[in-house]
């Protein structure tokens, strides 16, 4: 499965700080229990990538 593949899989996403000063992205779904921990700098890089992807998606949706 790639970034452009559609899926019927549903999952819950939680994001927040841990007691150890990390940022956790927690994905939970049918058969999935995936905690991903990042230091604050990595989390900020991920946030920048999300913003850039959102901006690119917005441009694509305006072309339609």
PDB file of N, CA and C in Angstrom:
ATOM      1  N   UNK A   1       0.846  -1.173   0.000  1.00  0.00           N
ATOM      2  CA  UNK A   1       0.000   0.000   0.000  1.00  0.00           C
ATOM      3  C   UNK A   1       0.893   1.238   0.000  1.00  0.00           C
ATOM      4  N   UNK A   2       0.560   2.185  -0.826  1.00  0.00           N
ATOM      5  CA  UNK A   2       1.331   3.415  -0.914  1.00  0.00           C
ATOM      6  C   UNK A   2       0.538   4.616  -0.441  1.00  0.00           C
ATOM      7  N   UNK A   3       1.128   5.760  -0.535  1.00  0.00           N
ATOM      8  CA  UNK A   3       0.519   6.998  -0.052  1.00  0.00           C
ATOM      9  C   UNK A   3      -0.758   7.329  -0.824  1.00  0.00           C
ATOM     10  N   UNK A   4      -0.855   6.893  -2.068  1.00  0.00           N
ATOM     11  CA  UNK A   4      -2.017   7.203  -2.901  1.00  0.00           C
ATOM     12  C   UNK A   4      -3.059   6.087  -2.940  1.00  0.00           C
ATOM     13  N   UNK A   5      -2.828   5.002  -2.219  1.00  0.00           N
ATOM     14  CA  UNK A   5      -3.769   3.882  -2.209  1.00  0.00           C
ATOM     15  C   UNK A   5      -4.882   4.140  -1.202  1.00  0.00           C
ATOM     16  N   UNK A   6      -6.121   3.956  -1.627  1.00  0.00           N
ATOM     17  CA  UNK A   6      -7.247   4.104  -0.711  1.00  0.00           C
ATOM     18  C   UNK A   6      -7.384   2.844   0.123  1.00  0.00           C
ATOM     19  N   UNK A   7      -7.972   2.992   1.299  1.00  0.00           N
ATOM     20  CA  UNK A   7      -8.115   1.873   2.213  1.00  0.00           C
ATOM     21  C   UNK A   7      -9.408   2.003   2.993  1.00  0.00           C
ATOM     22  N   UNK A   8      -9.950   0.888   3.412  1.00  0.00           N
ATOM     23  CA  UNK A   8     -11.146   0.859   4.249  1.00  0.00           C
ATOM     24  C   UNK A   8     -10.772   0.699   5.720  1.00  0.00           C
ATOM     25  N   UNK A   9      -9.486   0.693   6.035  1.00  0.00           N
ATOM     26  CA  UNK A   9      -9.028   0.520   7.402  1.00  0.00           C
ATOM     27  C   UNK A   9      -9.317   1.791   8.194  1.00  0.00           C
ATOM     28  N   UNK A  10      -9.908   1.633   9.366  1.00  0.00           N
ATOM     29  CA  UNK A  10     -10.188   2.769  10.243  1.00  0.00           C
ATOM     30  C   UNK A  10      -9.273   2.685  11.458  1.00  0.00           C
ATOM     31  N   UNK A  11      -8.820   3.824  11.927  1.00  0.00           N
ATOM     32  CA  UNK A  11      -7.958   3.863  13.106  1.00  0.00           C
ATOM     33  C   UNK A  11      -8.177   5.161  13.861  1.00  0.00           C
ATOM     34  N   UNK A  12      -7.867   5.140  15.128  1.00  0.00           N
ATOM     35  CA  UNK A  12      -7.902   6.335  15.967  1.00  0.00           C
ATOM     36  C   UNK A  12      -6.491   6.867  16.095  1.00  0.00           C
ATOM     37  N   UNK A  13      -6.359   8.178  16.134  1.00  0.00           N
ATOM     38  CA  UNK A  13      -5.059   8.822  16.239  1.00  0.00           C
ATOM     39  C   UNK A  13      -5.090   9.769  17.431  1.00  0.00           C
ATOM     40  N   UNK A  14      -4.108   9.603  18.314  1.00  0.00           N
ATOM     41  CA  UNK A  14      -3.967  10.501  19.452  1.00  0.00           C
ATOM     42  C   UNK A  14      -2.555  11.068  19.426  1.00  0.00           C
ATOM     43  N   UNK A  15      -2.415  12.336  19.772  1.00  0.00           N
ATOM     44  CA  UNK A  15      -1.110  12.985  19.807  1.00  0.00           C
ATOM     45  C   UNK A  15      -1.005  13.765  21.110  1.00  0.00           C
ATOM     46  N   UNK A  16       0.120  13.580  21.808  1.00  0.00           N
ATOM     47  CA  UNK A  16       0.294  14.327  23.050  1.00  0.00           C
ATOM     48  C   UNK A  16       1.665  14.099  23.645  1.00  0.00           C
ATOM     49  N   UNK A  17       1.966  14.845  24.701  1.00  0.00           N
ATOM     50  CA  UNK A  17       3.260  14.708  25.365  1.00  0.00           C
ATOM     51  C   UNK A  17       3.264  13.509  26.316  1.00  0.00           C
ATOM     52  N   UNK A  18       4.424  12.907  26.493  1.00  0.00           N
ATOM     53  CA  UNK A  18       4.574  11.842  27.477  1.00  0.00           C
ATOM     54  C   UNK A  18       5.198  12.417  28.739  1.00  0.00           C
ATOM     55  N   UNK A  19       5.179  11.643  29.797  1.00  0.00           N
ATOM     56  CA  UNK A  19       5.776  12.084  31.063  1.00  0.00           C
ATOM     57  C   UNK A  19       7.300  12.148  30.988  1.00  0.00           C
ATOM     58  N   UNK A  20       7.876  11.600  29.923  1.00  0.00           N
ATOM     59  CA  UNK A  20       9.332  11.613  29.746  1.00  0.00           C
ATOM     60  C   UNK A  20       9.794  12.728  28.810  1.00  0.00           C
ATOM     61  N   UNK A  21       8.884  13.646  28.441  1.00  0.00           N
ATOM     62  CA  UNK A  21       9.258  14.769  27.598  1.00  0.00           C
ATOM     63  C   UNK A  21       9.322  14.453  26.120  1.00  0.00           C
ATOM     64  N   UNK A  22       8.680  13.376  25.716  1.00  0.00           N
ATOM     65  CA  UNK A  22       8.608  13.015  24.306  1.00  0.00           C
ATOM     66  C   UNK A  22       7.219  13.394  23.784  1.00  0.00           C
ATOM     67  N   UNK A  23       7.077  13.396  22.478  1.00  0.00           N
ATOM     68  CA  UNK A  23       5.769  13.587  21.855  1.00  0.00           C
ATOM     69  C   UNK A  23       5.359  12.239  21.285  1.00  0.00           C
ATOM     70  N   UNK A  24       4.190  11.774  21.682  1.00  0.00           N
ATOM     71  CA  UNK A  24       3.720  10.459  21.227  1.00  0.00           C
ATOM     72  C   UNK A  24       2.598  10.623  20.217  1.00  0.00           C
ATOM     73  N   UNK A  25       2.741   9.926  19.099  1.00  0.00           N
ATOM     74  CA  UNK A  25       1.658   9.740  18.138  1.00  0.00           C
ATOM     75  C   UNK A  25       1.209   8.300  18.345  1.00  0.00           C
ATOM     76  N   UNK A  26      -0.030   8.138  18.738  1.00  0.00           N
ATOM     77  CA  UNK A  26      -0.549   6.811  19.075  1.00  0.00           C
ATOM     78  C   UNK A  26      -1.637   6.439  18.086  1.00  0.00           C
ATOM     79  N   UNK A  27      -1.431   5.330  17.384  1.00  0.00           N
ATOM     80  CA  UNK A  27      -2.385   4.845  16.390  1.00  0.00           C
ATOM     81  C   UNK A  27      -2.996   3.554  16.917  1.00  0.00           C
ATOM     82  N   UNK A  28      -4.331   3.508  16.946  1.00  0.00           N
ATOM     83  CA  UNK A  28      -5.028   2.326  17.432  1.00  0.00           C
ATOM     84  C   UNK A  28      -6.158   1.987  16.478  1.00  0.00           C
ATOM     85  N   UNK A  29      -6.221   0.726  16.102  1.00  0.00           N
ATOM     86  CA  UNK A  29      -7.277   0.268  15.213  1.00  0.00           C
ATOM     87  C   UNK A  29      -7.446  -1.221  15.345  1.00  0.00           C
ATOM     88  N   UNK A  30      -8.176  -1.803  14.422  1.00  0.00           N
ATOM     89  CA  UNK A  30      -8.423  -3.234  14.438  1.00  0.00           C
ATOM     90  C   UNK A  30      -7.099  -3.973  14.242  1.00  0.00           C
ATOM     91  N   UNK A  31      -6.575  -4.554  15.302  1.00  0.00           N
ATOM     92  CA  UNK A  31      -5.313  -5.292  15.228  1.00  0.00           C
ATOM     93  C   UNK A  31      -4.084  -4.404  15.226  1.00  0.00           C
ATOM     94  N   UNK A  32      -4.265  -3.098  15.476  1.00  0.00           N
ATOM     95  CA  UNK A  32      -3.140  -2.156  15.462  1.00  0.00           C
ATOM     96  C   UNK A  32      -3.082  -1.453  16.810  1.00  0.00           C
ATOM     97  N   UNK A  33      -1.911  -1.441  17.414  1.00  0.00           N
ATOM     98  CA  UNK A  33      -1.670  -0.717  18.654  1.00  0.00           C
ATOM     99  C   UNK A  33      -0.248  -0.191  18.550  1.00  0.00           C
ATOM    100  N   UNK A  34      -0.103   1.038  18.046  1.00  0.00           N
ATOM    101  CA  UNK A  34       1.215   1.524  17.648  1.00  0.00           C
ATOM    102  C   UNK A  34       1.548   2.868  18.296  1.00  0.00           C
ATOM    103  N   UNK A  35       2.346   2.846  19.378  1.00  0.00           N
ATOM    104  CA  UNK A  35       2.822   4.100  19.946  1.00  0.00           C
ATOM    105  C   UNK A  35       4.138   4.506  19.276  1.00  0.00           C
ATOM    106  N   UNK A  36       4.205   5.744  18.803  1.00  0.00           N
ATOM    107  CA  UNK A  36       5.413   6.260  18.163  1.00  0.00           C
ATOM    108  C   UNK A  36       5.876   7.474  18.956  1.00  0.00           C
ATOM    109  N   UNK A  37       7.076   7.408  19.526  1.00  0.00           N
ATOM    110  CA  UNK A  37       7.602   8.503  20.337  1.00  0.00           C
ATOM    111  C   UNK A  37       8.685   9.271  19.588  1.00  0.00           C
ATOM    112  N   UNK A  38       8.628  10.609  19.704  1.00  0.00           N
ATOM    113  CA  UNK A  38       9.578  11.491  19.030  1.00  0.00           C
ATOM    114  C   UNK A  38      10.052  12.547  20.013  1.00  0.00           C
ATOM    115  N   UNK A  39      11.311  12.959  19.875  1.00  0.00           N
ATOM    116  CA  UNK A  39      11.741  14.083  20.693  1.00  0.00           C
ATOM    117  C   UNK A  39      11.084  15.339  20.124  1.00  0.00           C
ATOM    118  N   UNK A  40      11.016  16.412  20.902  1.00  0.00           N
ATOM    119  CA  UNK A  40      10.282  17.607  20.453  1.00  0.00           C
ATOM    120  C   UNK A  40      10.753  18.152  19.101  1.00  0.00           C
ATOM    121  N   UNK A  41      12.056  18.106  18.828  1.00  0.00           N
ATOM    122  CA  UNK A  41      12.560  18.607  17.543  1.00  0.00           C
ATOM    123  C   UNK A  41      12.043  17.762  16.380  1.00  0.00           C
ATOM    124  N   UNK A  42      12.044  16.438  16.552  1.00  0.00           N
ATOM    125  CA  UNK A  42      11.503  15.556  15.504  1.00  0.00           C
ATOM    126  C   UNK A  42      10.014  15.818  15.309  1.00  0.00           C
ATOM    127  N   UNK A  43       9.299  16.033  16.400  1.00  0.00           N
ATOM    128  CA  UNK A  43       7.861  16.298  16.312  1.00  0.00           C
ATOM    129  C   UNK A  43       7.595  17.586  15.538  1.00  0.00           C
ATOM    130  N   UNK A  44       8.431  18.599  15.750  1.00  0.00           N
ATOM    131  CA  UNK A  44       8.267  19.842  15.002  1.00  0.00           C
ATOM    132  C   UNK A  44       8.545  19.642  13.520  1.00  0.00           C
ATOM    133  N   UNK A  45       9.525  18.796  13.187  1.00  0.00           N
ATOM    134  CA  UNK A  45       9.790  18.478  11.773  1.00  0.00           C
ATOM    135  C   UNK A  45       8.597  17.772  11.147  1.00  0.00           C
ATOM    136  N   UNK A  46       7.998  16.851  11.882  1.00  0.00           N
ATOM    137  CA  UNK A  46       6.810  16.138  11.393  1.00  0.00           C
ATOM    138  C   UNK A  46       5.666  17.135  11.180  1.00  0.00           C
ATOM    139  N   UNK A  47       5.500  18.063  12.117  1.00  0.00           N
ATOM    140  CA  UNK A  47       4.446  19.073  11.988  1.00  0.00           C
ATOM    141  C   UNK A  47       4.656  19.919  10.738  1.00  0.00           C
ATOM    142  N   UNK A  48       5.903  20.280  10.450  1.00  0.00           N
ATOM    143  CA  UNK A  48       6.199  21.050   9.238  1.00  0.00           C
ATOM    144  C   UNK A  48       5.867  20.244   7.987  1.00  0.00           C
ATOM    145  N   UNK A  49       6.179  18.947   8.005  1.00  0.00           N
ATOM    146  CA  UNK A  49       5.852  18.091   6.859  1.00  0.00           C
ATOM    147  C   UNK A  49       4.345  17.987   6.678  1.00  0.00           C
ATOM    148  N   UNK A  50       3.599  17.891   7.778  1.00  0.00           N
ATOM    149  CA  UNK A  50       2.136  17.840   7.698  1.00  0.00           C
ATOM    150  C   UNK A  50       1.575  19.136   7.109  1.00  0.00           C
ATOM    151  N   UNK A  51       2.114  20.267   7.550  1.00  0.00           N
ATOM    152  CA  UNK A  51       1.648  21.546   7.010  1.00  0.00           C
ATOM    153  C   UNK A  51       1.937  21.657   5.519  1.00  0.00           C
ATOM    154  N   UNK A  52       3.125  21.220   5.103  1.00  0.00           N
ATOM    155  CA  UNK A  52       3.484  21.279   3.681  1.00  0.00           C
ATOM    156  C   UNK A  52       2.582  20.352   2.863  1.00  0.00           C
ATOM    157  N   UNK A  53       2.293  19.167   3.385  1.00  0.00           N
ATOM    158  CA  UNK A  53       1.416  18.238   2.677  1.00  0.00           C
ATOM    159  C   UNK A  53       0.001  18.788   2.586  1.00  0.00           C
ATOM    160  N   UNK A  54      -0.472  19.436   3.655  1.00  0.00           N
ATOM    161  CA  UNK A  54      -1.810  20.034   3.641  1.00  0.00           C
ATOM    162  C   UNK A  54      -1.888  21.150   2.606  1.00  0.00           C
ATOM    163  N   UNK A  55      -0.839  21.962   2.525  1.00  0.00           N
ATOM    164  CA  UNK A  55      -0.818  23.049   1.537  1.00  0.00           C
ATOM    165  C   UNK A  55      -0.827  22.487   0.123  1.00  0.00           C
ATOM    166  N   UNK A  56      -0.060  21.432  -0.118  1.00  0.00           N
ATOM    167  CA  UNK A  56      -0.020  20.816  -1.448  1.00  0.00           C
ATOM    168  C   UNK A  56      -1.372  20.193  -1.790  1.00  0.00           C
ATOM    169  N   UNK A  57      -1.997  19.534  -0.824  1.00  0.00           N
ATOM    170  CA  UNK A  57      -3.315  18.929  -1.062  1.00  0.00           C
ATOM    171  C   UNK A  57      -4.355  20.001  -1.344  1.00  0.00           C
ATOM    172  N   UNK A  58      -4.261  21.125  -0.630  1.00  0.00           N
ATOM    173  CA  UNK A  58      -5.190  22.229  -0.855  1.00  0.00           C
ATOM    174  C   UNK A  58      -5.080  22.749  -2.278  1.00  0.00           C
ATOM    175  N   UNK A  59      -3.845  22.891  -2.766  1.00  0.00           N
ATOM    176  CA  UNK A  59      -3.646  23.353  -4.140  1.00  0.00           C
ATOM    177  C   UNK A  59      -4.241  22.381  -5.144  1.00  0.00           C
ATOM    178  N   UNK A  60      -4.036  21.085  -4.909  1.00  0.00           N
ATOM    179  CA  UNK A  60      -4.589  20.072  -5.813  1.00  0.00           C
ATOM    180  C   UNK A  60      -6.115  20.102  -5.812  1.00  0.00           C
ATOM    181  N   UNK A  61      -6.715  20.281  -4.636  1.00  0.00           N
ATOM    182  CA  UNK A  61      -8.188  20.269  -4.584  1.00  0.00           C
ATOM    183  C   UNK A  61      -8.775  21.511  -5.238  1.00  0.00           C
ATOM    184  N   UNK A  62      -8.047  22.628  -5.237  1.00  0.00           N
ATOM    185  CA  UNK A  62      -8.537  23.839  -5.908  1.00  0.00           C
ATOM    186  C   UNK A  62      -8.501  23.697  -7.421  1.00  0.00           C
ATOM    187  N   UNK A  63      -7.604  22.866  -7.941  1.00  0.00           N
ATOM    188  CA  UNK A  63      -7.495  22.666  -9.392  1.00  0.00           C
ATOM    189  C   UNK A  63      -8.679  21.864  -9.925  1.00  0.00           C
ATOM    190  N   UNK A  64      -9.338  21.112  -9.061  1.00  0.00           N
ATOM    191  CA  UNK A  64     -10.455  20.256  -9.499  1.00  0.00           C
ATOM    192  C   UNK A  64     -11.671  21.033  -9.651  1.00  0.00           C
TER     193      UNK A  64
END
